[in-house]
Amino acid sequence: MPYINVRGVDHYYEWIKKLSGSQVKPVMVFVHGWAGSAKYWQSTAHALSDKFDCLLYDLRGFGRSGGQPIVTCASESVVESVESQSQEEESMAIAELTYELEEYADDLKMLLDQSQLQRVYINAHSMGASIATLFLNRYPERVERAILTCSGIFEYDEKAFAAFHKFGGYVVKFRPKWLAKIPFVDRMFMARFLHRPIAPAERQAFLEDFLVADYDAALGTIFTSVSKAASELMPDEFVKVTVTTLLVAGEYDKIIPARMGHQAAVLNDKVEYAMIKRTGHFPMLEDAPTYLRLVREFLN
């Protein structure tokens, strides 16, 4: 499997391309959400590969990517892997990494640098969309247009957040691998995320990604993506966006309700809002034809 080293961590990536003769196509980078992987973006990427070369990757600590750097001191191998980066980036590559969303945005920037990609389109989902929003504001010159799927802003509620973190801790801690072999567990696992059914193989892939996610990354990003700091940060981030952006919401999304996406979009004229009826947290899979039509109209 192909890997690229970013700050001392091996990141899984894959290209989905369609031959187009001598035509040079723009690149679209896909960013997945919490406890997922690039797998669930594959069908969307294949559908868009007639117009884009699609780059998919697994976030640090998720899917097939590593968690922390293999070493935490400046070994020869690490120095060689980052020799094309600045001294500041080298020091970041060999230090212990946190699970702040800003650091994941920096991971994306370095992945683009390593891949020699100067300007791209971005399509990001859920927690990945929060990471992408931070990336848009830190590196706007690197993005042509962006699509944020199932993203938004939320108000801080101390009791609700504390309960969510406590429950999330239990869920992340209790993940025996044998769960993937029990019939219908994938259906139960995905029930809260979906309004319409998706293919059994896609449900199973989601469950397997959740079970193999790095413990520290899975738990750490629960605390950084759903937090008082994030609830205060993200409204400002949406206000600052200068990149033309499409925000797509699922009408019955229980994870990030559509109203949260609308609240984010109205903060900035650069953000166009679209809601897909009768879908939940994965509209790109639950109603692919409508999702692809909206995306193509926006890109055209």
C-alpha atoms as a PDB file:
ATOM      1  CA  MET A   1       0.000   0.000   0.000  1.00  0.00           C
ATOM      2  CA  PRO A   2       1.272   3.542  -0.752  1.00  0.00           C
ATOM      3  CA  TYR A   3       2.332   5.713   2.169  1.00  0.00           C
ATOM      4  CA  ILE A   4       3.745   9.197   2.518  1.00  0.00           C
ATOM      5  CA  ASN A   5       5.631  10.327   5.624  1.00  0.00           C
ATOM      6  CA  VAL A   6       4.242  13.496   7.199  1.00  0.00           C
ATOM      7  CA  ARG A   7       5.921  14.721  10.395  1.00  0.00           C
ATOM      8  CA  GLY A   8       7.292  11.276  11.153  1.00  0.00           C
ATOM      9  CA  VAL A   9       3.962   9.488  10.611  1.00  0.00           C
ATOM     10  CA  ASP A  10       3.212   7.216   7.667  1.00  0.00           C
ATOM     11  CA  HIS A  11      -0.022   8.366   6.023  1.00  0.00           C
ATOM     12  CA  TYR A  12      -1.909   6.058   3.685  1.00  0.00           C
ATOM     13  CA  TYR A  13      -2.987   7.672   0.413  1.00  0.00           C
ATOM     14  CA  GLU A  14      -4.394   6.658  -2.943  1.00  0.00           C
ATOM     15  CA  TRP A  15      -5.038   8.285  -6.301  1.00  0.00           C
ATOM     16  CA  ILE A  16      -8.238   7.757  -8.252  1.00  0.00           C
ATOM     17  CA  LYS A  17      -7.739   8.921 -11.822  1.00  0.00           C
ATOM     18  CA  LYS A  18      -9.367   8.391 -15.184  1.00  0.00           C
ATOM     19  CA  LEU A  19      -7.258   8.515 -18.325  1.00  0.00           C
ATOM     20  CA  SER A  20      -7.892  11.667 -20.300  1.00  0.00           C
ATOM     21  CA  GLY A  21      -5.236  11.684 -23.011  1.00  0.00           C
ATOM     22  CA  SER A  22      -3.029  14.747 -22.759  1.00  0.00           C
ATOM     23  CA  GLN A  23      -5.521  16.729 -20.664  1.00  0.00           C
ATOM     24  CA  VAL A  24      -4.124  17.949 -17.346  1.00  0.00           C
ATOM     25  CA  LYS A  25      -6.868  17.798 -14.744  1.00  0.00           C
ATOM     26  CA  PRO A  26      -7.058  19.695 -11.443  1.00  0.00           C
ATOM     27  CA  VAL A  27      -6.642  17.759  -8.198  1.00  0.00           C
ATOM     28  CA  MET A  28      -9.397  17.245  -5.635  1.00  0.00           C
ATOM     29  CA  VAL A  29      -8.315  16.161  -2.143  1.00  0.00           C
ATOM     30  CA  PHE A  30     -10.801  14.264   0.027  1.00  0.00           C
ATOM     31  CA  VAL A  31     -10.740  14.444   3.846  1.00  0.00           C
ATOM     32  CA  HIS A  32     -12.741  11.942   5.910  1.00  0.00           C
ATOM     33  CA  GLY A  33     -14.358  12.337   9.323  1.00  0.00           C
ATOM     34  CA  TRP A  34     -13.924  10.931  12.829  1.00  0.00           C
ATOM     35  CA  ALA A  35     -13.002   7.223  13.070  1.00  0.00           C
ATOM     36  CA  GLY A  36     -13.408   6.794   9.319  1.00  0.00           C
ATOM     37  CA  SER A  37     -11.004   6.483   6.414  1.00  0.00           C
ATOM     38  CA  ALA A  38     -10.617   7.343   2.745  1.00  0.00           C
ATOM     39  CA  LYS A  39     -12.629   4.221   1.891  1.00  0.00           C
ATOM     40  CA  TYR A  40     -15.999   5.928   2.094  1.00  0.00           C
ATOM     41  CA  TRP A  41     -14.937   8.644  -0.358  1.00  0.00           C
ATOM     42  CA  GLN A  42     -14.011   6.171  -3.102  1.00  0.00           C
ATOM     43  CA  SER A  43     -17.382   6.068  -4.886  1.00  0.00           C
ATOM     44  CA  THR A  44     -17.611   9.884  -4.927  1.00  0.00           C
ATOM     45  CA  ALA A  45     -14.032  10.175  -6.186  1.00  0.00           C
ATOM     46  CA  HIS A  46     -14.647   7.656  -8.976  1.00  0.00           C
ATOM     47  CA  ALA A  47     -17.733   9.622 -10.056  1.00  0.00           C
ATOM     48  CA  LEU A  48     -15.748  12.881 -10.203  1.00  0.00           C
ATOM     49  CA  SER A  49     -12.610  11.417 -11.759  1.00  0.00           C
ATOM     50  CA  ASP A  50     -13.717  12.413 -15.247  1.00  0.00           C
ATOM     51  CA  LYS A  51     -12.948  16.033 -14.318  1.00  0.00           C
ATOM     52  CA  PHE A  52     -10.474  15.660 -11.420  1.00  0.00           C
ATOM     53  CA  ASP A  53      -7.505  13.603 -10.344  1.00  0.00           C
ATOM     54  CA  CYS A  54      -8.678  12.584  -6.873  1.00  0.00           C
ATOM     55  CA  LEU A  55      -6.303  12.230  -3.922  1.00  0.00           C
ATOM     56  CA  LEU A  56      -7.652  10.362  -0.897  1.00  0.00           C
ATOM     57  CA  TYR A  57      -5.769   9.847   2.368  1.00  0.00           C
ATOM     58  CA  ASP A  58      -6.314   8.594   5.912  1.00  0.00           C
ATOM     59  CA  LEU A  59      -5.952  11.142   8.702  1.00  0.00           C
ATOM     60  CA  ARG A  60      -3.248  10.559  11.311  1.00  0.00           C
ATOM     61  CA  GLY A  61      -4.374   7.825  13.706  1.00  0.00           C
ATOM     62  CA  PHE A  62      -7.244   6.619  11.517  1.00  0.00           C
ATOM     63  CA  GLY A  63      -7.739   4.005   8.829  1.00  0.00           C
ATOM     64  CA  ARG A  64      -4.397   2.735   7.578  1.00  0.00           C
ATOM     65  CA  SER A  65      -2.316   5.720   8.763  1.00  0.00           C
ATOM     66  CA  GLY A  66      -0.072   5.651  11.811  1.00  0.00           C
ATOM     67  CA  GLY A  67      -0.611   7.516  15.076  1.00  0.00           C
ATOM     68  CA  GLN A  68       2.371   9.123  16.749  1.00  0.00           C
ATOM     69  CA  PRO A  69       5.782   9.344  15.048  1.00  0.00           C
ATOM     70  CA  ILE A  70       7.786   6.148  15.334  1.00  0.00           C
ATOM     71  CA  VAL A  71      10.572   8.110  17.000  1.00  0.00           C
ATOM     72  CA  THR A  72      10.514  11.297  19.075  1.00  0.00           C
ATOM     73  CA  CYS A  73      14.122  12.378  18.544  1.00  0.00           C
ATOM     74  CA  ALA A  74      15.956  13.522  15.467  1.00  0.00           C
ATOM     75  CA  SER A  75      17.049  10.191  14.047  1.00  0.00           C
ATOM     76  CA  GLU A  76      18.683  10.000  10.628  1.00  0.00           C
ATOM     77  CA  SER A  77      15.609   8.406   9.039  1.00  0.00           C
ATOM     78  CA  VAL A  78      13.293  11.165  10.244  1.00  0.00           C
ATOM     79  CA  VAL A  79      15.647  13.903   9.100  1.00  0.00           C
ATOM     80  CA  GLU A  80      15.810  12.285   5.651  1.00  0.00           C
ATOM     81  CA  SER A  81      12.009  12.094   5.444  1.00  0.00           C
ATOM     82  CA  VAL A  82      11.630  15.803   6.096  1.00  0.00           C
ATOM     83  CA  GLU A  83      14.745  17.157   4.419  1.00  0.00           C
ATOM     84  CA  SER A  84      12.630  19.162   1.978  1.00  0.00           C
ATOM     85  CA  GLN A  85      10.757  20.904   4.812  1.00  0.00           C
ATOM     86  CA  SER A  86      11.773  24.019   6.710  1.00  0.00           C
ATOM     87  CA  GLN A  87      13.626  23.788  10.049  1.00  0.00           C
ATOM     88  CA  GLU A  88      10.406  24.633  11.853  1.00  0.00           C
ATOM     89  CA  GLU A  89       8.546  21.837  10.080  1.00  0.00           C
ATOM     90  CA  GLU A  90      11.394  19.420  10.858  1.00  0.00           C
ATOM     91  CA  SER A  91      11.094  20.144  14.557  1.00  0.00           C
ATOM     92  CA  MET A  92       7.324  19.618  14.310  1.00  0.00           C
ATOM     93  CA  ALA A  93       7.910  16.303  12.532  1.00  0.00           C
ATOM     94  CA  ILE A  94       9.957  14.825  15.359  1.00  0.00           C
ATOM     95  CA  ALA A  95       7.951  16.169  18.294  1.00  0.00           C
ATOM     96  CA  GLU A  96       5.021  14.442  19.950  1.00  0.00           C
ATOM     97  CA  LEU A  97       1.920  15.458  18.045  1.00  0.00           C
ATOM     98  CA  THR A  98      -1.388  16.499  19.602  1.00  0.00           C
ATOM     99  CA  TYR A  99      -4.895  15.941  18.307  1.00  0.00           C
ATOM    100  CA  GLU A 100      -5.862  19.577  17.878  1.00  0.00           C
ATOM    101  CA  LEU A 101      -7.686  20.145  14.600  1.00  0.00           C
ATOM    102  CA  GLU A 102      -5.194  22.874  13.698  1.00  0.00           C
ATOM    103  CA  GLU A 103      -2.438  20.249  13.665  1.00  0.00           C
ATOM    104  CA  TYR A 104      -4.448  18.090  11.289  1.00  0.00           C
ATOM    105  CA  ALA A 105      -4.755  21.145   9.023  1.00  0.00           C
ATOM    106  CA  ASP A 106      -0.962  21.437   9.129  1.00  0.00           C
ATOM    107  CA  ASP A 107      -0.697  17.720   8.321  1.00  0.00           C
ATOM    108  CA  LEU A 108      -2.720  18.384   5.173  1.00  0.00           C
ATOM    109  CA  LYS A 109      -0.500  21.298   4.187  1.00  0.00           C
ATOM    110  CA  MET A 110       2.628  19.150   4.533  1.00  0.00           C
ATOM    111  CA  LEU A 111       1.024  16.286   2.645  1.00  0.00           C
ATOM    112  CA  LEU A 112       0.370  18.676  -0.256  1.00  0.00           C
ATOM    113  CA  ASP A 113       3.945  19.946  -0.036  1.00  0.00           C
ATOM    114  CA  GLN A 114       5.340  16.417  -0.131  1.00  0.00           C
ATOM    115  CA  SER A 115       3.082  15.622  -3.092  1.00  0.00           C
ATOM    116  CA  GLN A 116       4.187  18.825  -4.859  1.00  0.00           C
ATOM    117  CA  LEU A 117       0.602  20.064  -5.131  1.00  0.00           C
ATOM    118  CA  GLN A 118       0.359  23.838  -5.058  1.00  0.00           C
ATOM    119  CA  ARG A 119      -3.370  24.465  -5.528  1.00  0.00           C
ATOM    120  CA  VAL A 120      -6.212  21.978  -5.125  1.00  0.00           C
ATOM    121  CA  TYR A 121      -9.937  21.546  -4.636  1.00  0.00           C
ATOM    122  CA  ILE A 122     -10.990  20.106  -1.269  1.00  0.00           C
ATOM    123  CA  ASN A 123     -13.963  17.902  -0.413  1.00  0.00           C
ATOM    124  CA  ALA A 124     -14.181  17.198   3.322  1.00  0.00           C
ATOM    125  CA  HIS A 125     -16.707  15.570   5.638  1.00  0.00           C
ATOM    126  CA  SER A 126     -17.757  16.034   9.290  1.00  0.00           C
ATOM    127  CA  MET A 127     -14.654  16.423  11.510  1.00  0.00           C
ATOM    128  CA  GLY A 128     -12.646  16.504   8.294  1.00  0.00           C
ATOM    129  CA  ALA A 129     -14.723  19.515   7.214  1.00  0.00           C
ATOM    130  CA  SER A 130     -13.711  21.350  10.401  1.00  0.00           C
ATOM    131  CA  ILE A 131     -10.081  20.546   9.599  1.00  0.00           C
ATOM    132  CA  ALA A 132     -10.619  21.776   6.034  1.00  0.00           C
ATOM    133  CA  THR A 133     -12.174  25.044   7.264  1.00  0.00           C
ATOM    134  CA  LEU A 134      -9.101  25.720   9.367  1.00  0.00           C
ATOM    135  CA  PHE A 135      -6.936  24.864   6.350  1.00  0.00           C
ATOM    136  CA  LEU A 136      -8.869  27.291   4.121  1.00  0.00           C
ATOM    137  CA  ASN A 137      -8.103  30.167   6.454  1.00  0.00           C
ATOM    138  CA  ARG A 138      -4.478  29.283   7.073  1.00  0.00           C
ATOM    139  CA  TYR A 139      -3.563  28.463   3.485  1.00  0.00           C
ATOM    140  CA  PRO A 140      -6.207  30.091   1.225  1.00  0.00           C
ATOM    141  CA  GLU A 141      -3.733  30.361  -1.628  1.00  0.00           C
ATOM    142  CA  ARG A 142      -3.616  26.554  -1.800  1.00  0.00           C
ATOM    143  CA  VAL A 143      -7.356  26.044  -2.465  1.00  0.00           C
ATOM    144  CA  GLU A 144      -9.376  26.765  -5.600  1.00  0.00           C
ATOM    145  CA  ARG A 145     -12.784  25.804  -4.176  1.00  0.00           C
ATOM    146  CA  ALA A 146     -14.000  23.760  -1.220  1.00  0.00           C
ATOM    147  CA  ILE A 147     -16.915  21.465  -0.425  1.00  0.00           C
ATOM    148  CA  LEU A 148     -17.770  20.919   3.235  1.00  0.00           C
ATOM    149  CA  THR A 149     -20.161  18.035   3.796  1.00  0.00           C
ATOM    150  CA  CYS A 150     -22.035  17.821   7.117  1.00  0.00           C
ATOM    151  CA  SER A 151     -20.327  20.686   8.891  1.00  0.00           C
ATOM    152  CA  GLY A 152     -21.561  23.555  11.030  1.00  0.00           C
ATOM    153  CA  ILE A 153     -21.333  25.477  14.273  1.00  0.00           C
ATOM    154  CA  PHE A 154     -22.739  24.505  17.650  1.00  0.00           C
ATOM    155  CA  GLU A 155     -23.332  26.160  21.010  1.00  0.00           C
ATOM    156  CA  TYR A 156     -21.439  25.047  24.089  1.00  0.00           C
ATOM    157  CA  ASP A 157     -23.438  23.139  26.702  1.00  0.00           C
ATOM    158  CA  GLU A 158     -21.274  22.074  29.638  1.00  0.00           C
ATOM    159  CA  LYS A 159     -23.469  19.206  30.836  1.00  0.00           C
ATOM    160  CA  ALA A 160     -24.184  17.876  27.351  1.00  0.00           C
ATOM    161  CA  PHE A 161     -20.532  18.043  26.358  1.00  0.00           C
ATOM    162  CA  ALA A 162     -19.413  16.313  29.567  1.00  0.00           C
ATOM    163  CA  ALA A 163     -21.915  13.518  28.974  1.00  0.00           C
ATOM    164  CA  PHE A 164     -20.808  13.199  25.352  1.00  0.00           C
ATOM    165  CA  HIS A 165     -17.146  12.966  26.327  1.00  0.00           C
ATOM    166  CA  LYS A 166     -17.889  10.371  29.004  1.00  0.00           C
ATOM    167  CA  PHE A 167     -19.934   8.239  26.638  1.00  0.00           C
ATOM    168  CA  GLY A 168     -17.357   8.693  23.877  1.00  0.00           C
ATOM    169  CA  GLY A 169     -14.643   7.466  26.214  1.00  0.00           C
ATOM    170  CA  TYR A 170     -16.560   4.271  26.884  1.00  0.00           C
ATOM    171  CA  VAL A 171     -17.227   3.706  23.184  1.00  0.00           C
ATOM    172  CA  VAL A 172     -13.574   4.172  22.221  1.00  0.00           C
ATOM    173  CA  LYS A 173     -12.339   1.971  25.059  1.00  0.00           C
ATOM    174  CA  PHE A 174     -14.691  -0.941  24.359  1.00  0.00           C
ATOM    175  CA  ARG A 175     -13.873  -1.940  20.772  1.00  0.00           C
ATOM    176  CA  PRO A 176     -13.099  -5.662  20.625  1.00  0.00           C
ATOM    177  CA  LYS A 177     -12.161  -6.736  17.115  1.00  0.00           C
ATOM    178  CA  TRP A 178     -14.614  -9.633  17.231  1.00  0.00           C
ATOM    179  CA  LEU A 179     -17.509  -7.158  17.011  1.00  0.00           C
ATOM    180  CA  ALA A 180     -16.965  -6.996  13.246  1.00  0.00           C
ATOM    181  CA  LYS A 181     -17.847 -10.704  12.957  1.00  0.00           C
ATOM    182  CA  ILE A 182     -21.225 -10.495  14.699  1.00  0.00           C
ATOM    183  CA  PRO A 183     -24.179 -10.414  12.267  1.00  0.00           C
ATOM    184  CA  PHE A 184     -26.072  -7.111  12.018  1.00  0.00           C
ATOM    185  CA  VAL A 185     -23.650  -5.211  14.276  1.00  0.00           C
ATOM    186  CA  ASP A 186     -22.681  -3.047  11.300  1.00  0.00           C
ATOM    187  CA  ARG A 187     -26.352  -2.185  10.789  1.00  0.00           C
ATOM    188  CA  MET A 188     -26.768  -1.213  14.454  1.00  0.00           C
ATOM    189  CA  PHE A 189     -23.492   0.728  14.458  1.00  0.00           C
ATOM    190  CA  MET A 190     -24.528   2.850  11.473  1.00  0.00           C
ATOM    191  CA  ALA A 191     -28.173   3.350  12.489  1.00  0.00           C
ATOM    192  CA  ARG A 192     -27.560   6.711  14.168  1.00  0.00           C
ATOM    193  CA  PHE A 193     -25.581   8.038  11.192  1.00  0.00           C
ATOM    194  CA  LEU A 194     -28.000   7.168   8.397  1.00  0.00           C
ATOM    195  CA  HIS A 195     -31.521   8.048   7.307  1.00  0.00           C
ATOM    196  CA  ARG A 196     -31.433   5.923   4.155  1.00  0.00           C
ATOM    197  CA  PRO A 197     -29.722   2.538   3.833  1.00  0.00           C
ATOM    198  CA  ILE A 198     -26.312   2.170   2.226  1.00  0.00           C
ATOM    199  CA  ALA A 199     -24.588  -0.899   0.809  1.00  0.00           C
ATOM    200  CA  PRO A 200     -23.731  -3.645   3.352  1.00  0.00           C
ATOM    201  CA  ALA A 201     -20.065  -3.530   2.308  1.00  0.00           C
ATOM    202  CA  GLU A 202     -19.963   0.195   3.114  1.00  0.00           C
ATOM    203  CA  ARG A 203     -21.525  -0.389   6.532  1.00  0.00           C
ATOM    204  CA  GLN A 204     -18.989  -3.100   7.284  1.00  0.00           C
ATOM    205  CA  ALA A 205     -16.096  -0.865   6.195  1.00  0.00           C
ATOM    206  CA  PHE A 206     -17.269   1.867   8.582  1.00  0.00           C
ATOM    207  CA  LEU A 207     -17.375  -0.587  11.476  1.00  0.00           C
ATOM    208  CA  GLU A 208     -13.922  -1.959  10.693  1.00  0.00           C
ATOM    209  CA  ASP A 209     -12.440   1.557  10.454  1.00  0.00           C
ATOM    210  CA  PHE A 210     -13.900   2.401  13.866  1.00  0.00           C
ATOM    211  CA  LEU A 211     -12.471  -0.747  15.416  1.00  0.00           C
ATOM    212  CA  VAL A 212      -8.918  -0.152  14.144  1.00  0.00           C
ATOM    213  CA  ALA A 213      -8.711   3.594  14.877  1.00  0.00           C
ATOM    214  CA  ASP A 214      -5.795   4.533  17.123  1.00  0.00           C
ATOM    215  CA  TYR A 215      -7.052   4.859  20.716  1.00  0.00           C
ATOM    216  CA  ASP A 216      -5.309   8.158  21.471  1.00  0.00           C
ATOM    217  CA  ALA A 217      -6.354   9.725  18.168  1.00  0.00           C
ATOM    218  CA  ALA A 218      -9.964   8.579  18.449  1.00  0.00           C
ATOM    219  CA  LEU A 219     -10.299   9.814  22.024  1.00  0.00           C
ATOM    220  CA  GLY A 220      -8.206  12.935  21.537  1.00  0.00           C
ATOM    221  CA  THR A 221     -10.219  14.198  18.573  1.00  0.00           C
ATOM    222  CA  ILE A 222     -13.473  13.690  20.485  1.00  0.00           C
ATOM    223  CA  PHE A 223     -12.217  16.248  23.007  1.00  0.00           C
ATOM    224  CA  THR A 224     -10.809  18.679  20.434  1.00  0.00           C
ATOM    225  CA  SER A 225     -13.626  18.631  17.861  1.00  0.00           C
ATOM    226  CA  VAL A 226     -16.500  18.765  20.371  1.00  0.00           C
ATOM    227  CA  SER A 227     -15.342  21.273  22.954  1.00  0.00           C
ATOM    228  CA  LYS A 228     -15.928  24.730  24.375  1.00  0.00           C
ATOM    229  CA  ALA A 229     -12.879  25.959  22.454  1.00  0.00           C
ATOM    230  CA  ALA A 230     -14.206  24.548  19.166  1.00  0.00           C
ATOM    231  CA  SER A 231     -17.653  26.074  19.718  1.00  0.00           C
ATOM    232  CA  GLU A 232     -15.980  29.473  20.133  1.00  0.00           C
ATOM    233  CA  LEU A 233     -13.437  29.004  17.334  1.00  0.00           C
ATOM    234  CA  MET A 234     -15.510  27.683  14.431  1.00  0.00           C
ATOM    235  CA  PRO A 235     -17.954  30.622  14.046  1.00  0.00           C
ATOM    236  CA  ASP A 236     -14.973  32.954  13.645  1.00  0.00           C
ATOM    237  CA  GLU A 237     -13.379  30.544  11.192  1.00  0.00           C
ATOM    238  CA  PHE A 238     -16.489  30.495   9.014  1.00  0.00           C
ATOM    239  CA  VAL A 239     -16.623  34.295   9.060  1.00  0.00           C
ATOM    240  CA  LYS A 240     -13.010  34.471   7.838  1.00  0.00           C
ATOM    241  CA  VAL A 241     -13.356  32.070   4.878  1.00  0.00           C
ATOM    242  CA  THR A 242     -12.344  33.730   1.598  1.00  0.00           C
ATOM    243  CA  VAL A 243     -12.416  30.600  -0.573  1.00  0.00           C
ATOM    244  CA  THR A 244     -15.636  29.958  -2.498  1.00  0.00           C
ATOM    245  CA  THR A 245     -17.228  27.085  -0.583  1.00  0.00           C
ATOM    246  CA  LEU A 246     -20.256  24.793  -0.785  1.00  0.00           C
ATOM    247  CA  LEU A 247     -21.668  23.455   2.494  1.00  0.00           C
ATOM    248  CA  VAL A 248     -23.865  20.376   2.054  1.00  0.00           C
ATOM    249  CA  ALA A 249     -26.132  19.195   4.890  1.00  0.00           C
ATOM    250  CA  GLY A 250     -28.298  16.121   5.377  1.00  0.00           C
ATOM    251  CA  GLU A 251     -31.906  16.939   6.301  1.00  0.00           C
ATOM    252  CA  TYR A 252     -32.063  14.328   9.070  1.00  0.00           C
ATOM    253  CA  ASP A 253     -28.428  14.391  10.195  1.00  0.00           C
ATOM    254  CA  LYS A 254     -28.398  13.563  13.917  1.00  0.00           C
ATOM    255  CA  ILE A 255     -24.654  14.153  14.316  1.00  0.00           C
ATOM    256  CA  ILE A 256     -24.438  17.658  12.835  1.00  0.00           C
ATOM    257  CA  PRO A 257     -28.041  18.795  12.290  1.00  0.00           C
ATOM    258  CA  ALA A 258     -28.772  20.726   9.110  1.00  0.00           C
ATOM    259  CA  ARG A 259     -29.605  23.878  11.084  1.00  0.00           C
ATOM    260  CA  MET A 260     -25.994  23.985  12.327  1.00  0.00           C
ATOM    261  CA  GLY A 261     -24.783  23.972   8.742  1.00  0.00           C
ATOM    262  CA  HIS A 262     -27.215  26.738   7.816  1.00  0.00           C
ATOM    263  CA  GLN A 263     -26.061  28.806  10.817  1.00  0.00           C
ATOM    264  CA  ALA A 264     -22.488  28.511   9.566  1.00  0.00           C
ATOM    265  CA  ALA A 265     -23.324  29.373   5.961  1.00  0.00           C
ATOM    266  CA  VAL A 266     -25.246  32.567   6.759  1.00  0.00           C
ATOM    267  CA  LEU A 267     -22.130  34.007   8.406  1.00  0.00           C
ATOM    268  CA  ASN A 268     -20.321  34.378   5.092  1.00  0.00           C
ATOM    269  CA  ASP A 269     -21.379  35.197   1.518  1.00  0.00           C
ATOM    270  CA  LYS A 270     -18.556  32.978   0.273  1.00  0.00           C
ATOM    271  CA  VAL A 271     -20.321  29.902   1.688  1.00  0.00           C
ATOM    272  CA  GLU A 272     -23.192  28.479  -0.364  1.00  0.00           C
ATOM    273  CA  TYR A 273     -25.621  26.214   1.508  1.00  0.00           C
ATOM    274  CA  ALA A 274     -27.468  23.168   0.173  1.00  0.00           C
ATOM    275  CA  MET A 275     -29.543  20.589   2.051  1.00  0.00           C
ATOM    276  CA  ILE A 276     -30.254  17.128   0.674  1.00  0.00           C
ATOM    277  CA  LYS A 277     -33.648  15.842   1.730  1.00  0.00           C
ATOM    278  CA  ARG A 278     -34.160  12.470   3.378  1.00  0.00           C
ATOM    279  CA  THR A 279     -30.478  11.925   4.171  1.00  0.00           C
ATOM    280  CA  GLY A 280     -28.493  11.709   7.378  1.00  0.00           C
ATOM    281  CA  HIS A 281     -24.786  12.142   8.105  1.00  0.00           C
ATOM    282  CA  PHE A 282     -23.580  10.590   4.820  1.00  0.00           C
ATOM    283  CA  PRO A 283     -25.557  12.265   2.020  1.00  0.00           C
ATOM    284  CA  MET A 284     -22.834  11.410  -0.518  1.00  0.00           C
ATOM    285  CA  LEU A 285     -23.668   7.719   0.031  1.00  0.00           C
ATOM    286  CA  GLU A 286     -27.366   7.923   0.934  1.00  0.00           C
ATOM    287  CA  ASP A 287     -28.311   9.964  -2.150  1.00  0.00           C
ATOM    288  CA  ALA A 288     -25.286   9.974  -4.436  1.00  0.00           C
ATOM    289  CA  PRO A 289     -27.097  11.306  -7.564  1.00  0.00           C
ATOM    290  CA  THR A 290     -28.338  14.438  -5.772  1.00  0.00           C
ATOM    291  CA  TYR A 291     -25.033  14.973  -4.006  1.00  0.00           C
ATOM    292  CA  LEU A 292     -23.024  14.690  -7.220  1.00  0.00           C
ATOM    293  CA  ARG A 293     -25.414  16.991  -9.077  1.00  0.00           C
ATOM    294  CA  LEU A 294     -25.006  19.699  -6.407  1.00  0.00           C
ATOM    295  CA  VAL A 295     -21.232  19.314  -6.406  1.00  0.00           C
ATOM    296  CA  ARG A 296     -20.946  19.443 -10.196  1.00  0.00           C
ATOM    297  CA  GLU A 297     -23.204  22.508 -10.412  1.00  0.00           C
ATOM    298  CA  PHE A 298     -21.093  24.242  -7.793  1.00  0.00           C
ATOM    299  CA  LEU A 299     -17.801  23.363  -9.502  1.00  0.00           C
ATOM    300  CA  ASN A 300     -19.048  24.450 -12.896  1.00  0.00           C
END
